[in-house]
Amino acid sequence: MFRAREHLRNHGAKIVFEGRRRAGCQVSVEFLDPDGHHLELYWGVDQIGYDGRSRPAEEWRQTLTLEDAVRIAPPGQDTTLHDKALGDRIAAD
């Protein structure tokens, strides 16, 4: 998601949201394409369990940046960054 956001920024896309919102725990970057269409890239979508249960609302973690989405993860979501330089940059913010 971080690399996608950087690519979009470097190519002049208008980013309209980044982070986590709505039910569950997916992390997303939402942007406008050159024609003004609203598009979304996302990662980490919760799956409905075999028992039909979904993540309870008290576990939702809304954030307004990708950095906070990593820092403030919902229970059970692994937001480990395997890119050391990226992890160091986020830790320094």
C-alpha atoms as a PDB file:
ATOM      1  CA  MET A   1       0.000   0.000   0.000  1.00  0.00           C
ATOM      2  CA  PHE A   2       2.842   2.382   0.793  1.00  0.00           C
ATOM      3  CA  ARG A   3       4.488   1.757  -2.564  1.00  0.00           C
ATOM      4  CA  ALA A   4       1.161   2.148  -4.365  1.00  0.00           C
ATOM      5  CA  ARG A   5       0.521   5.462  -2.586  1.00  0.00           C
ATOM      6  CA  GLU A   6       4.003   6.676  -3.517  1.00  0.00           C
ATOM      7  CA  HIS A   7       3.507   5.639  -7.149  1.00  0.00           C
ATOM      8  CA  LEU A   8       0.156   7.434  -7.306  1.00  0.00           C
ATOM      9  CA  ARG A   9       1.604  10.597  -5.772  1.00  0.00           C
ATOM     10  CA  ASN A  10       4.600  10.524  -8.131  1.00  0.00           C
ATOM     11  CA  HIS A  11       2.236  10.335 -11.099  1.00  0.00           C
ATOM     12  CA  GLY A  12      -0.049  13.158 -10.013  1.00  0.00           C
ATOM     13  CA  ALA A  13      -3.080  11.147  -8.887  1.00  0.00           C
ATOM     14  CA  LYS A  14      -5.350  12.936  -6.442  1.00  0.00           C
ATOM     15  CA  ILE A  15      -5.509  10.808  -3.275  1.00  0.00           C
ATOM     16  CA  VAL A  16      -8.835  11.340  -1.514  1.00  0.00           C
ATOM     17  CA  PHE A  17      -8.369   8.934   1.433  1.00  0.00           C
ATOM     18  CA  GLU A  18      -5.759   6.682   2.959  1.00  0.00           C
ATOM     19  CA  GLY A  19      -5.857   4.549   6.058  1.00  0.00           C
ATOM     20  CA  ARG A  20      -8.617   2.381   7.488  1.00  0.00           C
ATOM     21  CA  ARG A  21     -12.351   3.069   7.651  1.00  0.00           C
ATOM     22  CA  ARG A  22     -15.683   1.329   7.480  1.00  0.00           C
ATOM     23  CA  ALA A  23     -16.383  -2.030   9.070  1.00  0.00           C
ATOM     24  CA  GLY A  24     -13.568  -4.489   9.521  1.00  0.00           C
ATOM     25  CA  CYS A  25      -9.898  -3.833   9.098  1.00  0.00           C
ATOM     26  CA  GLN A  26      -8.960  -3.280   5.444  1.00  0.00           C
ATOM     27  CA  VAL A  27      -6.314  -0.659   4.757  1.00  0.00           C
ATOM     28  CA  SER A  28      -6.849   1.400   1.616  1.00  0.00           C
ATOM     29  CA  VAL A  29      -5.748   4.200  -0.650  1.00  0.00           C
ATOM     30  CA  GLU A  30      -8.590   5.873  -2.544  1.00  0.00           C
ATOM     31  CA  PHE A  31      -7.840   8.150  -5.471  1.00  0.00           C
ATOM     32  CA  LEU A  32      -9.248   9.755  -8.616  1.00  0.00           C
ATOM     33  CA  ASP A  33      -8.174   8.548 -12.030  1.00  0.00           C
ATOM     34  CA  PRO A  34      -7.555  11.080 -14.850  1.00  0.00           C
ATOM     35  CA  ASP A  35     -11.256  10.952 -15.779  1.00  0.00           C
ATOM     36  CA  GLY A  36     -12.363  11.651 -12.215  1.00  0.00           C
ATOM     37  CA  HIS A  37     -13.448   8.085 -11.409  1.00  0.00           C
ATOM     38  CA  HIS A  38     -13.079   7.156  -7.748  1.00  0.00           C
ATOM     39  CA  LEU A  39     -10.836   4.069  -7.374  1.00  0.00           C
ATOM     40  CA  GLU A  40      -9.631   2.144  -4.332  1.00  0.00           C
ATOM     41  CA  LEU A  41      -6.695  -0.165  -3.653  1.00  0.00           C
ATOM     42  CA  TYR A  42      -6.995  -2.179  -0.468  1.00  0.00           C
ATOM     43  CA  TRP A  43      -5.324  -4.855   1.629  1.00  0.00           C
ATOM     44  CA  GLY A  44      -6.308  -6.960   4.626  1.00  0.00           C
ATOM     45  CA  VAL A  45     -10.035  -7.446   4.107  1.00  0.00           C
ATOM     46  CA  ASP A  46     -11.658  -9.420   6.912  1.00  0.00           C
ATOM     47  CA  GLN A  47     -13.270 -12.668   5.897  1.00  0.00           C
ATOM     48  CA  ILE A  48     -16.587 -13.794   7.319  1.00  0.00           C
ATOM     49  CA  GLY A  49     -15.880 -16.885   9.392  1.00  0.00           C
ATOM     50  CA  TYR A  50     -17.318 -20.315   8.672  1.00  0.00           C
ATOM     51  CA  ASP A  51     -19.678 -19.615  11.565  1.00  0.00           C
ATOM     52  CA  GLY A  52     -21.018 -16.451   9.869  1.00  0.00           C
ATOM     53  CA  ARG A  53     -19.373 -14.101  12.369  1.00  0.00           C
ATOM     54  CA  SER A  54     -17.733 -10.871  11.343  1.00  0.00           C
ATOM     55  CA  ARG A  55     -15.368  -8.614  13.287  1.00  0.00           C
ATOM     56  CA  PRO A  56     -17.284  -6.850  16.098  1.00  0.00           C
ATOM     57  CA  ALA A  57     -17.516  -3.044  15.941  1.00  0.00           C
ATOM     58  CA  GLU A  58     -15.406  -2.579  19.081  1.00  0.00           C
ATOM     59  CA  GLU A  59     -12.437  -3.990  17.125  1.00  0.00           C
ATOM     60  CA  TRP A  60     -12.708  -1.572  14.196  1.00  0.00           C
ATOM     61  CA  ARG A  61      -9.760   0.819  14.037  1.00  0.00           C
ATOM     62  CA  GLN A  62     -10.376   3.872  11.862  1.00  0.00           C
ATOM     63  CA  THR A  63      -7.216   5.718  10.857  1.00  0.00           C
ATOM     64  CA  LEU A  64      -6.513   8.597   8.494  1.00  0.00           C
ATOM     65  CA  THR A  65      -3.034   7.588   7.298  1.00  0.00           C
ATOM     66  CA  LEU A  66      -1.343   4.388   6.225  1.00  0.00           C
ATOM     67  CA  GLU A  67       1.239   4.983   8.930  1.00  0.00           C
ATOM     68  CA  ASP A  68      -1.446   4.996  11.632  1.00  0.00           C
ATOM     69  CA  ALA A  69      -3.068   1.928  10.068  1.00  0.00           C
ATOM     70  CA  VAL A  70       0.196   0.084  10.768  1.00  0.00           C
ATOM     71  CA  ARG A  71       0.578   1.543  14.265  1.00  0.00           C
ATOM     72  CA  ILE A  72      -3.060   1.016  15.347  1.00  0.00           C
ATOM     73  CA  ALA A  73      -3.899  -2.452  14.063  1.00  0.00           C
ATOM     74  CA  PRO A  74      -7.063  -4.302  15.050  1.00  0.00           C
ATOM     75  CA  PRO A  75      -6.672  -7.522  17.038  1.00  0.00           C
ATOM     76  CA  GLY A  76      -5.253 -10.317  14.919  1.00  0.00           C
ATOM     77  CA  GLN A  77      -4.135  -8.198  11.956  1.00  0.00           C
ATOM     78  CA  ASP A  78      -0.423  -8.540  11.227  1.00  0.00           C
ATOM     79  CA  THR A  79       0.836  -5.183   9.955  1.00  0.00           C
ATOM     80  CA  THR A  80       4.503  -6.134  10.202  1.00  0.00           C
ATOM     81  CA  LEU A  81       6.536  -4.192   7.651  1.00  0.00           C
ATOM     82  CA  HIS A  82       9.222  -6.348   6.067  1.00  0.00           C
ATOM     83  CA  ASP A  83      10.868  -3.373   4.344  1.00  0.00           C
ATOM     84  CA  LYS A  84      13.305  -2.154   7.007  1.00  0.00           C
ATOM     85  CA  ALA A  85      13.690   1.346   5.555  1.00  0.00           C
ATOM     86  CA  LEU A  86       9.924   1.815   5.502  1.00  0.00           C
ATOM     87  CA  GLY A  87       9.585   0.465   9.036  1.00  0.00           C
ATOM     88  CA  ASP A  88      12.319   2.816  10.265  1.00  0.00           C
ATOM     89  CA  ARG A  89      10.629   5.801   8.578  1.00  0.00           C
ATOM     90  CA  ILE A  90       7.274   5.039  10.181  1.00  0.00           C
ATOM     91  CA  ALA A  91       8.847   4.483  13.582  1.00  0.00           C
ATOM     92  CA  ALA A  92      10.557   7.902  13.288  1.00  0.00           C
ATOM     93  CA  ASP A  93       7.302   9.772  12.508  1.00  0.00           C
END
